[in-house]
Amino acid sequence: MNEEIGAAPFVGGGDIDLSMWGLFLRADIVVQVVMLSLLFASVWCWAIIFEKFVRYRRVVRQAEEFEKEFWSGGSLEKLYDTIGSNASHPMAVLFASAMREWRRSSERGLGRTGNMRAGLQDRIGQVMRITIDREVDRLERYIGVLATVGSTAPFVGLFGTVWGIMDSFQSIAQTKNTSLAVVAPGIAEALFATALGLVAAIPATIAYNKFSSDIGRYATRLDGFAGEFSAIMSRQLDEGGSD
């Protein structure tokens, strides 16, 4: 008789839905909130990853095209007239900001004496430094979200798992039945939260490391361009004219 009672849960256990949707519906409300939060975080991270991937490839391509034109030997004044008001990527914005300060000072007659030239060089250098910082900040926008999700999502998932296991133990205590058919669904629901946490955290961490490295290299590239451009302007100031 005891064997028949113990076997009954296994027979009914075959009807339990262990799919992802079924596990979500069966989970406690707290675990459901955790799952939805992790799912939202994962979708948000993938949106950021896609946007940053597309944007970074675009700005690198635009930088390469701009540098070819910049070093082609043409007039910097004509290049500024072409892109000055339509700069659409960080390197062009950097060039335009420096040329804008150059023109403004030239129109006022600044830079004719040695002290004025030194002051103009300092102003142009400061303008380029501020522009680089601002453009890098724009590239890094929302990157912190990836770092936050990558570091916290596993712990949020673990919280859902712990809560789900506690709820399962309470159910076991109420039913006084420790058969696998009773225990397995609750454990599966709990572990599903941890799985979602890892699904959100792993891509976010990988993407954060990649984008941080890529943006760091691009910032170094901007710094190099700024240094070369400063040297060109310094030579032109020493010669007493500009292109």
Protein backbone atom coordinates (compact mmCIF):
# COMPACT_ATOMS: atom_id res chain seq x y z
CA MET A 1 0.00 0.00 0.00
CA ASN A 2 2.82 2.41 0.87
CA GLU A 3 4.56 1.57 -2.39
CA GLU A 4 1.39 2.51 -4.35
CA ILE A 5 1.13 5.86 -2.56
CA GLY A 6 4.82 6.59 -3.16
CA ALA A 7 4.53 5.74 -6.85
CA ALA A 8 1.53 7.97 -7.50
CA PRO A 9 3.46 11.26 -7.74
CA PHE A 10 5.71 9.76 -10.43
CA VAL A 11 2.71 8.89 -12.54
CA GLY A 12 1.25 12.40 -12.27
CA GLY A 13 4.71 13.94 -12.65
CA GLY A 14 4.71 13.12 -16.34
CA ASP A 15 2.08 15.81 -16.90
CA ILE A 16 4.18 18.60 -15.37
CA ASP A 17 5.29 21.21 -17.94
CA LEU A 18 9.05 21.66 -17.57
CA SER A 19 9.43 23.99 -20.56
CA MET A 20 10.80 27.50 -20.01
CA TRP A 21 7.33 29.02 -20.17
CA GLY A 22 5.96 26.34 -17.86
CA LEU A 23 8.74 26.90 -15.35
CA PHE A 24 8.07 30.64 -15.41
CA LEU A 25 4.34 30.21 -14.83
CA ARG A 26 4.89 27.78 -11.96
CA ALA A 27 7.52 29.96 -10.24
CA ASP A 28 6.85 32.07 -7.16
CA ILE A 29 6.03 35.75 -7.81
CA VAL A 30 9.43 36.84 -6.47
CA VAL A 31 11.23 34.44 -8.81
CA GLN A 32 9.07 35.63 -11.69
CA VAL A 33 10.08 39.23 -11.01
CA VAL A 34 13.73 38.16 -10.97
CA MET A 35 13.32 36.30 -14.27
CA LEU A 36 11.59 39.23 -15.95
CA SER A 37 14.26 41.63 -14.68
CA LEU A 38 17.04 39.45 -16.03
CA LEU A 39 15.26 39.01 -19.34
CA PHE A 40 14.82 42.77 -19.67
CA ALA A 41 18.49 43.32 -18.77
CA SER A 42 19.55 40.79 -21.39
CA VAL A 43 17.47 42.43 -24.13
CA TRP A 44 18.76 45.87 -23.14
CA CYS A 45 22.36 44.66 -23.24
CA TRP A 46 21.93 43.14 -26.68
CA ALA A 47 20.46 46.40 -27.95
CA ILE A 48 23.49 48.28 -26.60
CA ILE A 49 25.87 45.69 -28.06
CA PHE A 50 24.33 45.98 -31.50
CA GLU A 51 24.31 49.80 -31.43
CA LYS A 52 27.91 50.05 -30.23
CA PHE A 53 29.15 47.47 -32.72
CA VAL A 54 27.55 49.29 -35.67
CA ARG A 55 28.62 52.73 -34.46
CA TYR A 56 32.23 51.75 -33.75
CA ARG A 57 32.67 50.18 -37.17
CA ARG A 58 31.19 53.32 -38.75
CA VAL A 59 33.43 55.80 -36.89
CA VAL A 60 36.55 53.75 -37.66
CA ARG A 61 35.69 53.67 -41.35
CA GLN A 62 34.95 57.40 -41.35
CA ALA A 63 38.22 58.12 -39.54
CA GLU A 64 40.18 56.20 -42.17
CA GLU A 65 38.46 58.10 -44.98
CA PHE A 66 39.05 61.44 -43.24
CA GLU A 67 42.73 60.75 -42.61
CA LYS A 68 43.27 59.91 -46.28
CA GLU A 69 41.75 63.24 -47.24
CA PHE A 70 43.60 65.10 -44.50
CA TRP A 71 47.00 63.74 -45.55
CA SER A 72 46.32 64.07 -49.27
CA GLY A 73 48.12 67.43 -49.34
CA GLY A 74 45.08 69.59 -49.96
CA SER A 75 44.29 72.85 -48.24
CA LEU A 76 43.17 72.53 -44.64
CA GLU A 77 41.02 75.63 -45.07
CA LYS A 78 39.13 74.04 -47.95
CA LEU A 79 38.76 70.81 -45.99
CA TYR A 80 37.32 72.76 -43.08
CA ASP A 81 34.93 74.61 -45.38
CA THR A 82 33.75 71.24 -46.68
CA ILE A 83 33.16 69.45 -43.39
CA GLY A 84 33.33 72.17 -40.75
CA SER A 85 29.61 72.48 -40.16
CA ASN A 86 28.79 68.88 -41.06
CA ALA A 87 31.29 66.94 -38.95
CA SER A 88 29.64 63.62 -38.27
CA HIS A 89 32.33 61.58 -36.53
CA PRO A 90 34.81 62.23 -33.70
CA MET A 91 37.91 62.83 -35.81
CA ALA A 92 36.14 65.31 -38.07
CA VAL A 93 34.69 67.05 -35.01
CA LEU A 94 38.19 67.26 -33.52
CA PHE A 95 39.57 68.80 -36.70
CA ALA A 96 36.68 71.24 -37.01
CA SER A 97 36.97 72.43 -33.42
CA ALA A 98 40.69 73.15 -33.81
CA MET A 99 40.21 74.93 -37.15
CA ARG A 100 37.35 76.98 -35.71
CA GLU A 101 39.61 78.27 -32.94
CA TRP A 102 42.38 78.87 -35.50
CA ARG A 103 40.12 80.98 -37.71
CA ARG A 104 38.63 82.89 -34.82
CA SER A 105 42.10 83.87 -33.61
CA SER A 106 43.34 84.67 -37.12
CA GLU A 107 40.41 86.99 -37.76
CA ARG A 108 41.23 88.88 -34.57
CA GLY A 109 44.86 89.19 -35.53
CA LEU A 110 46.06 86.98 -32.70
CA GLY A 111 49.16 84.86 -33.02
CA ARG A 112 51.37 87.51 -34.62
CA THR A 113 53.85 87.79 -31.77
CA GLY A 114 55.66 85.03 -29.98
CA ASN A 115 53.54 85.26 -26.84
CA MET A 116 50.35 85.34 -28.86
CA ARG A 117 51.43 82.33 -30.87
CA ALA A 118 52.13 80.39 -27.70
CA GLY A 119 48.75 81.38 -26.32
CA LEU A 120 47.02 80.32 -29.54
CA GLN A 121 48.77 76.97 -29.48
CA ASP A 122 47.67 76.43 -25.90
CA ARG A 123 44.07 77.33 -26.72
CA ILE A 124 43.97 75.01 -29.72
CA GLY A 125 45.48 72.21 -27.65
CA GLN A 126 42.92 72.77 -24.89
CA VAL A 127 40.05 72.81 -27.39
CA MET A 128 41.22 69.52 -28.89
CA ARG A 129 41.64 67.96 -25.46
CA ILE A 130 38.10 68.92 -24.45
CA THR A 131 36.75 67.68 -27.79
CA ILE A 132 38.47 64.32 -27.43
CA ASP A 133 37.10 63.85 -23.92
CA ARG A 134 33.59 64.77 -25.05
CA GLU A 135 33.63 62.49 -28.09
CA VAL A 136 35.06 59.55 -26.12
CA ASP A 137 32.35 60.05 -23.50
CA ARG A 138 29.75 59.80 -26.26
CA LEU A 139 31.27 56.57 -27.52
CA GLU A 140 31.29 55.18 -23.98
CA ARG A 141 27.64 56.05 -23.34
CA TYR A 142 25.72 53.05 -21.91
CA ILE A 143 28.92 50.98 -21.71
CA GLY A 144 28.54 51.11 -17.94
CA VAL A 145 25.24 49.26 -18.27
CA LEU A 146 27.11 46.28 -19.70
CA ALA A 147 29.55 46.33 -16.80
CA THR A 148 26.74 46.58 -14.25
CA VAL A 149 24.72 43.73 -15.77
CA GLY A 150 27.82 41.59 -16.19
CA SER A 151 28.76 41.93 -12.53
CA THR A 152 25.32 41.82 -10.89
CA ALA A 153 23.15 39.54 -13.06
CA PRO A 154 24.65 36.28 -11.70
CA PHE A 155 23.93 37.40 -8.14
CA VAL A 156 20.40 38.44 -9.03
CA GLY A 157 19.87 35.04 -10.61
CA LEU A 158 21.36 33.37 -7.56
CA PHE A 159 18.92 35.28 -5.36
CA GLY A 160 16.06 33.94 -7.48
CA THR A 161 17.46 30.44 -7.16
CA VAL A 162 17.80 30.62 -3.40
CA TRP A 163 14.30 32.02 -3.07
CA GLY A 164 12.91 29.32 -5.37
CA ILE A 165 14.62 26.53 -3.41
CA MET A 166 13.27 27.93 -0.15
CA ASP A 167 9.79 27.97 -1.67
CA SER A 168 10.25 24.37 -2.87
CA PHE A 169 11.28 23.22 0.59
CA GLN A 170 8.19 24.87 2.05
CA SER A 171 6.04 23.02 -0.47
CA ILE A 172 7.73 19.75 0.42
CA ALA A 173 7.13 20.38 4.11
CA GLN A 174 3.45 21.10 3.49
CA THR A 175 2.85 18.05 1.28
CA LYS A 176 5.19 15.83 3.33
CA ASN A 177 6.23 14.22 0.07
CA THR A 178 9.89 14.08 -0.98
CA SER A 179 9.41 12.22 -4.25
CA LEU A 180 11.31 13.44 -7.33
CA ALA A 181 8.09 14.50 -9.07
CA VAL A 182 7.44 16.98 -6.25
CA VAL A 183 11.00 18.21 -5.79
CA ALA A 184 12.17 18.44 -9.42
CA PRO A 185 9.82 21.17 -10.73
CA GLY A 186 10.65 23.53 -7.87
CA ILE A 187 14.39 22.97 -8.24
CA ALA A 188 14.12 23.45 -12.01
CA GLU A 189 12.28 26.75 -11.52
CA ALA A 190 14.95 27.93 -9.11
CA LEU A 191 17.86 26.97 -11.36
CA PHE A 192 16.16 28.63 -14.32
CA ALA A 193 16.71 31.99 -12.59
CA THR A 194 20.44 31.32 -12.32
CA ALA A 195 20.55 30.31 -15.98
CA LEU A 196 18.91 33.59 -16.99
CA GLY A 197 21.41 35.48 -14.87
CA LEU A 198 24.30 33.83 -16.70
CA VAL A 199 22.64 34.40 -20.08
CA ALA A 200 22.49 38.12 -19.30
CA ALA A 201 25.92 38.40 -17.68
CA ILE A 202 28.20 36.48 -20.06
CA PRO A 203 27.52 38.47 -23.27
CA ALA A 204 27.48 41.74 -21.30
CA THR A 205 30.90 41.05 -19.78
CA ILE A 206 32.46 39.97 -23.08
CA ALA A 207 31.01 42.98 -24.90
CA TYR A 208 32.12 45.40 -22.18
CA ASN A 209 35.71 44.17 -22.35
CA LYS A 210 35.74 44.35 -26.15
CA PHE A 211 34.20 47.80 -26.44
CA SER A 212 36.38 49.20 -23.67
CA SER A 213 39.45 47.99 -25.53
CA ASP A 214 38.20 49.26 -28.91
CA ILE A 215 37.27 52.71 -27.56
CA GLY A 216 40.62 52.93 -25.79
CA ARG A 217 42.42 52.30 -29.08
CA TYR A 218 40.25 54.86 -30.84
CA ALA A 219 40.95 57.44 -28.13
CA THR A 220 44.67 56.82 -28.63
CA ARG A 221 44.15 57.34 -32.34
CA LEU A 222 42.43 60.68 -31.67
CA ASP A 223 45.28 61.71 -29.37
CA GLY A 224 47.79 60.87 -32.10
CA PHE A 225 45.88 62.88 -34.68
CA ALA A 226 45.63 65.83 -32.28
CA GLY A 227 49.38 65.75 -31.71
CA GLU A 228 50.13 65.65 -35.44
CA PHE A 229 47.64 68.43 -36.15
CA SER A 230 49.16 70.57 -33.39
CA ALA A 231 52.58 70.12 -34.95
CA ILE A 232 51.26 71.24 -38.35
CA MET A 233 49.66 74.33 -36.85
CA SER A 234 52.79 75.11 -34.88
CA ARG A 235 54.86 75.06 -38.07
CA GLN A 236 52.36 77.31 -39.82
CA LEU A 237 52.44 79.77 -36.93
CA ASP A 238 56.23 79.83 -37.03
CA GLU A 239 56.08 80.51 -40.76
CA GLY A 240 53.61 83.33 -40.10
CA GLY A 241 50.78 81.94 -42.25
CA SER A 242 48.41 79.07 -42.89
CA ASP A 243 47.16 76.99 -45.77
